[in-house]
């Protein structure tokens, strides 16, 4: 389940960046930022103590 959430966050980041490049829409750049933050946060949390999960 963590891998799916991480993948979705990465896809949101990449999709936001690609959408911003293609359309110039700033909201898509914000989506990319949120995706990157969620992906990096999820990665850090998933590397913690596995007994917590």
PDB file of N, CA and C in Angstrom:
ATOM      1  N   UNK A   1       0.823  -1.194   0.000  1.00  0.00           N
ATOM      2  CA  UNK A   1       0.000   0.000   0.000  1.00  0.00           C
ATOM      3  C   UNK A   1       0.864   1.254   0.000  1.00  0.00           C
ATOM      4  N   UNK A   2       1.964   1.219   0.753  1.00  0.00           N
ATOM      5  CA  UNK A   2       2.857   2.382   0.781  1.00  0.00           C
ATOM      6  C   UNK A   2       3.452   2.639  -0.585  1.00  0.00           C
ATOM      7  N   UNK A   3       3.781   1.564  -1.292  1.00  0.00           N
ATOM      8  CA  UNK A   3       4.382   1.721  -2.620  1.00  0.00           C
ATOM      9  C   UNK A   3       3.400   2.378  -3.582  1.00  0.00           C
ATOM     10  N   UNK A   4       2.129   2.036  -3.478  1.00  0.00           N
ATOM     11  CA  UNK A   4       1.115   2.631  -4.352  1.00  0.00           C
ATOM     12  C   UNK A   4       0.973   4.116  -4.054  1.00  0.00           C
ATOM     13  N   UNK A   5       0.929   4.473  -2.778  1.00  0.00           N
ATOM     14  CA  UNK A   5       0.817   5.879  -2.402  1.00  0.00           C
ATOM     15  C   UNK A   5       2.038   6.666  -2.856  1.00  0.00           C
ATOM     16  N   UNK A   6       3.212   6.081  -2.718  1.00  0.00           N
ATOM     17  CA  UNK A   6       4.433   6.741  -3.159  1.00  0.00           C
ATOM     18  C   UNK A   6       4.422   6.932  -4.667  1.00  0.00           C
ATOM     19  N   UNK A   7       3.987   5.920  -5.393  1.00  0.00           N
ATOM     20  CA  UNK A   7       3.918   6.012  -6.850  1.00  0.00           C
ATOM     21  C   UNK A   7       2.937   7.093  -7.284  1.00  0.00           C
ATOM     22  N   UNK A   8       1.785   7.170  -6.630  1.00  0.00           N
ATOM     23  CA  UNK A   8       0.802   8.194  -6.974  1.00  0.00           C
ATOM     24  C   UNK A   8       1.338   9.593  -6.698  1.00  0.00           C
ATOM     25  N   UNK A   9       2.078   9.754  -5.610  1.00  0.00           N
ATOM     26  CA  UNK A   9       2.665  11.050  -5.299  1.00  0.00           C
ATOM     27  C   UNK A   9       3.694  11.456  -6.344  1.00  0.00           C
ATOM     28  N   UNK A  10       4.518  10.506  -6.756  1.00  0.00           N
ATOM     29  CA  UNK A  10       5.521  10.789  -7.787  1.00  0.00           C
ATOM     30  C   UNK A  10       4.835  11.142  -9.101  1.00  0.00           C
ATOM     31  N   UNK A  11       3.786  10.403  -9.448  1.00  0.00           N
ATOM     32  CA  UNK A  11       3.062  10.696 -10.686  1.00  0.00           C
ATOM     33  C   UNK A  11       2.396  12.067 -10.633  1.00  0.00           C
ATOM     34  N   UNK A  12       1.879  12.449  -9.465  1.00  0.00           N
ATOM     35  CA  UNK A  12       1.292  13.783  -9.327  1.00  0.00           C
ATOM     36  C   UNK A  12       2.354  14.852  -9.536  1.00  0.00           C
ATOM     37  N   UNK A  13       3.531  14.625  -8.986  1.00  0.00           N
ATOM     38  CA  UNK A  13       4.620  15.580  -9.178  1.00  0.00           C
ATOM     39  C   UNK A  13       5.038  15.691 -10.626  1.00  0.00           C
ATOM     40  N   UNK A  14       5.244  14.555 -11.281  1.00  0.00           N
ATOM     41  CA  UNK A  14       5.656  14.568 -12.684  1.00  0.00           C
ATOM     42  C   UNK A  14       4.557  15.122 -13.580  1.00  0.00           C
ATOM     43  N   UNK A  15       3.321  14.749 -13.304  1.00  0.00           N
ATOM     44  CA  UNK A  15       2.200  15.265 -14.092  1.00  0.00           C
ATOM     45  C   UNK A  15       2.035  16.763 -13.927  1.00  0.00           C
ATOM     46  N   UNK A  16       2.241  17.250 -12.722  1.00  0.00           N
ATOM     47  CA  UNK A  16       2.150  18.689 -12.484  1.00  0.00           C
ATOM     48  C   UNK A  16       3.232  19.456 -13.219  1.00  0.00           C
ATOM     49  N   UNK A  17       4.449  18.938 -13.196  1.00  0.00           N
ATOM     50  CA  UNK A  17       5.551  19.593 -13.905  1.00  0.00           C
ATOM     51  C   UNK A  17       5.290  19.579 -15.408  1.00  0.00           C
ATOM     52  N   UNK A  18       4.893  18.437 -15.939  1.00  0.00           N
ATOM     53  CA  UNK A  18       4.614  18.328 -17.371  1.00  0.00           C
ATOM     54  C   UNK A  18       3.451  19.241 -17.768  1.00  0.00           C
ATOM     55  N   UNK A  19       2.410  19.255 -16.961  1.00  0.00           N
ATOM     56  CA  UNK A  19       1.270  20.131 -17.243  1.00  0.00           C
ATOM     57  C   UNK A  19       1.660  21.597 -17.219  1.00  0.00           C
ATOM     58  N   UNK A  20       2.512  21.981 -16.281  1.00  0.00           N
ATOM     59  CA  UNK A  20       2.967  23.373 -16.214  1.00  0.00           C
ATOM     60  C   UNK A  20       3.773  23.740 -17.454  1.00  0.00           C
ATOM     61  N   UNK A  21       4.658  22.831 -17.870  1.00  0.00           N
ATOM     62  CA  UNK A  21       5.479  23.095 -19.053  1.00  0.00           C
ATOM     63  C   UNK A  21       4.588  23.238 -20.292  1.00  0.00           C
ATOM     64  N   UNK A  22       3.576  22.396 -20.407  1.00  0.00           N
ATOM     65  CA  UNK A  22       2.726  22.413 -21.602  1.00  0.00           C
ATOM     66  C   UNK A  22       1.728  23.562 -21.611  1.00  0.00           C
ATOM     67  N   UNK A  23       1.191  23.921 -20.444  1.00  0.00           N
ATOM     68  CA  UNK A  23       0.111  24.910 -20.407  1.00  0.00           C
ATOM     69  C   UNK A  23       0.506  26.228 -19.751  1.00  0.00           C
ATOM     70  N   UNK A  24       1.543  26.228 -18.938  1.00  0.00           N
ATOM     71  CA  UNK A  24       1.914  27.441 -18.216  1.00  0.00           C
ATOM     72  C   UNK A  24       1.012  27.721 -17.022  1.00  0.00           C
ATOM     73  N   UNK A  25       0.171  26.781 -16.649  1.00  0.00           N
ATOM     74  CA  UNK A  25      -0.762  26.964 -15.535  1.00  0.00           C
ATOM     75  C   UNK A  25      -0.034  26.777 -14.204  1.00  0.00           C
ATOM     76  N   UNK A  26      -0.068  27.811 -13.371  1.00  0.00           N
ATOM     77  CA  UNK A  26       0.683  27.798 -12.114  1.00  0.00           C
ATOM     78  C   UNK A  26       0.117  26.769 -11.132  1.00  0.00           C
ATOM     79  N   UNK A  27      -1.188  26.524 -11.179  1.00  0.00           N
ATOM     80  CA  UNK A  27      -1.782  25.540 -10.265  1.00  0.00           C
ATOM     81  C   UNK A  27      -1.195  24.153 -10.481  1.00  0.00           C
ATOM     82  N   UNK A  28      -0.835  23.840 -11.720  1.00  0.00           N
ATOM     83  CA  UNK A  28      -0.221  22.540 -11.976  1.00  0.00           C
ATOM     84  C   UNK A  28       1.178  22.471 -11.376  1.00  0.00           C
ATOM     85  N   UNK A  29       1.868  23.606 -11.352  1.00  0.00           N
ATOM     86  CA  UNK A  29       3.178  23.639 -10.705  1.00  0.00           C
ATOM     87  C   UNK A  29       3.020  23.428  -9.197  1.00  0.00           C
ATOM     88  N   UNK A  30       1.957  23.985  -8.625  1.00  0.00           N
ATOM     89  CA  UNK A  30       1.675  23.765  -7.202  1.00  0.00           C
ATOM     90  C   UNK A  30       1.376  22.291  -6.944  1.00  0.00           C
ATOM     91  N   UNK A  31       0.634  21.652  -7.849  1.00  0.00           N
ATOM     92  CA  UNK A  31       0.363  20.218  -7.726  1.00  0.00           C
ATOM     93  C   UNK A  31       1.661  19.425  -7.750  1.00  0.00           C
ATOM     94  N   UNK A  32       2.583  19.841  -8.611  1.00  0.00           N
ATOM     95  CA  UNK A  32       3.880  19.169  -8.675  1.00  0.00           C
ATOM     96  C   UNK A  32       4.608  19.294  -7.345  1.00  0.00           C
ATOM     97  N   UNK A  33       4.573  20.480  -6.750  1.00  0.00           N
ATOM     98  CA  UNK A  33       5.224  20.686  -5.460  1.00  0.00           C
ATOM     99  C   UNK A  33       4.627  19.808  -4.380  1.00  0.00           C
ATOM    100  N   UNK A  34       3.311  19.723  -4.349  1.00  0.00           N
ATOM    101  CA  UNK A  34       2.635  18.874  -3.362  1.00  0.00           C
ATOM    102  C   UNK A  34       3.004  17.412  -3.580  1.00  0.00           C
ATOM    103  N   UNK A  35       3.034  16.988  -4.832  1.00  0.00           N
ATOM    104  CA  UNK A  35       3.395  15.604  -5.136  1.00  0.00           C
ATOM    105  C   UNK A  35       4.801  15.263  -4.699  1.00  0.00           C
ATOM    106  N   UNK A  36       5.725  16.186  -4.935  1.00  0.00           N
ATOM    107  CA  UNK A  36       7.119  15.950  -4.546  1.00  0.00           C
ATOM    108  C   UNK A  36       7.250  15.894  -3.025  1.00  0.00           C
ATOM    109  N   UNK A  37       6.572  16.798  -2.327  1.00  0.00           N
ATOM    110  CA  UNK A  37       6.628  16.803  -0.858  1.00  0.00           C
ATOM    111  C   UNK A  37       6.044  15.510  -0.293  1.00  0.00           C
ATOM    112  N   UNK A  38       4.900  15.084  -0.822  1.00  0.00           N
ATOM    113  CA  UNK A  38       4.288  13.847  -0.331  1.00  0.00           C
ATOM    114  C   UNK A  38       5.151  12.634  -0.638  1.00  0.00           C
ATOM    115  N   UNK A  39       5.752  12.613  -1.821  1.00  0.00           N
ATOM    116  CA  UNK A  39       6.591  11.475  -2.191  1.00  0.00           C
ATOM    117  C   UNK A  39       7.822  11.395  -1.301  1.00  0.00           C
ATOM    118  N   UNK A  40       8.476  12.530  -1.075  1.00  0.00           N
ATOM    119  CA  UNK A  40       9.682  12.504  -0.246  1.00  0.00           C
ATOM    120  C   UNK A  40       9.331  12.202   1.209  1.00  0.00           C
ATOM    121  N   UNK A  41       8.233  12.765   1.707  1.00  0.00           N
ATOM    122  CA  UNK A  41       7.811  12.478   3.074  1.00  0.00           C
ATOM    123  C   UNK A  41       7.434  11.021   3.253  1.00  0.00           C
ATOM    124  N   UNK A  42       6.721  10.471   2.285  1.00  0.00           N
ATOM    125  CA  UNK A  42       6.352   9.056   2.350  1.00  0.00           C
ATOM    126  C   UNK A  42       7.560   8.151   2.293  1.00  0.00           C
ATOM    127  N   UNK A  43       8.549   8.527   1.489  1.00  0.00           N
ATOM    128  CA  UNK A  43       9.769   7.725   1.390  1.00  0.00           C
ATOM    129  C   UNK A  43      10.514   7.730   2.720  1.00  0.00           C
ATOM    130  N   UNK A  44      10.621   8.903   3.338  1.00  0.00           N
ATOM    131  CA  UNK A  44      11.318   9.003   4.624  1.00  0.00           C
ATOM    132  C   UNK A  44      10.582   8.192   5.682  1.00  0.00           C
ATOM    133  N   UNK A  45       9.250   8.313   5.728  1.00  0.00           N
ATOM    134  CA  UNK A  45       8.481   7.567   6.723  1.00  0.00           C
ATOM    135  C   UNK A  45       8.565   6.064   6.493  1.00  0.00           C
ATOM    136  N   UNK A  46       8.607   5.643   5.239  1.00  0.00           N
ATOM    137  CA  UNK A  46       8.646   4.209   4.958  1.00  0.00           C
ATOM    138  C   UNK A  46       9.999   3.596   5.301  1.00  0.00           C
ATOM    139  N   UNK A  47      11.033   4.408   5.453  1.00  0.00           N
ATOM    140  CA  UNK A  47      12.353   3.888   5.786  1.00  0.00           C
ATOM    141  C   UNK A  47      12.589   3.864   7.295  1.00  0.00           C
ATOM    142  N   UNK A  48      11.571   4.215   8.066  1.00  0.00           N
ATOM    143  CA  UNK A  48      11.708   4.212   9.519  1.00  0.00           C
ATOM    144  C   UNK A  48      11.683   2.800  10.082  1.00  0.00           C
ATOM    145  N   UNK A  49      11.423   2.704  11.356  1.00  0.00           N
ATOM    146  CA  UNK A  49      11.374   1.420  12.046  1.00  0.00           C
ATOM    147  C   UNK A  49      10.182   0.611  11.523  1.00  0.00           C
ATOM    148  N   UNK A  50      10.407  -0.530  10.887  1.00  0.00           N
ATOM    149  CA  UNK A  50       9.292  -1.293  10.307  1.00  0.00           C
ATOM    150  C   UNK A  50       8.333  -1.851  11.352  1.00  0.00           C
ATOM    151  N   UNK A  51       8.751  -1.942  12.600  1.00  0.00           N
ATOM    152  CA  UNK A  51       7.864  -2.467  13.637  1.00  0.00           C
ATOM    153  C   UNK A  51       6.746  -1.487  13.971  1.00  0.00           C
ATOM    154  N   UNK A  52       6.932  -0.208  13.648  1.00  0.00           N
ATOM    155  CA  UNK A  52       5.879   0.768  13.904  1.00  0.00           C
ATOM    156  C   UNK A  52       4.685   0.538  12.998  1.00  0.00           C
ATOM    157  N   UNK A  53       4.910  -0.019  11.847  1.00  0.00           N
ATOM    158  CA  UNK A  53       3.826  -0.196  10.876  1.00  0.00           C
ATOM    159  C   UNK A  53       3.267  -1.553  11.073  1.00  0.00           C
TER     160      UNK A  53
END
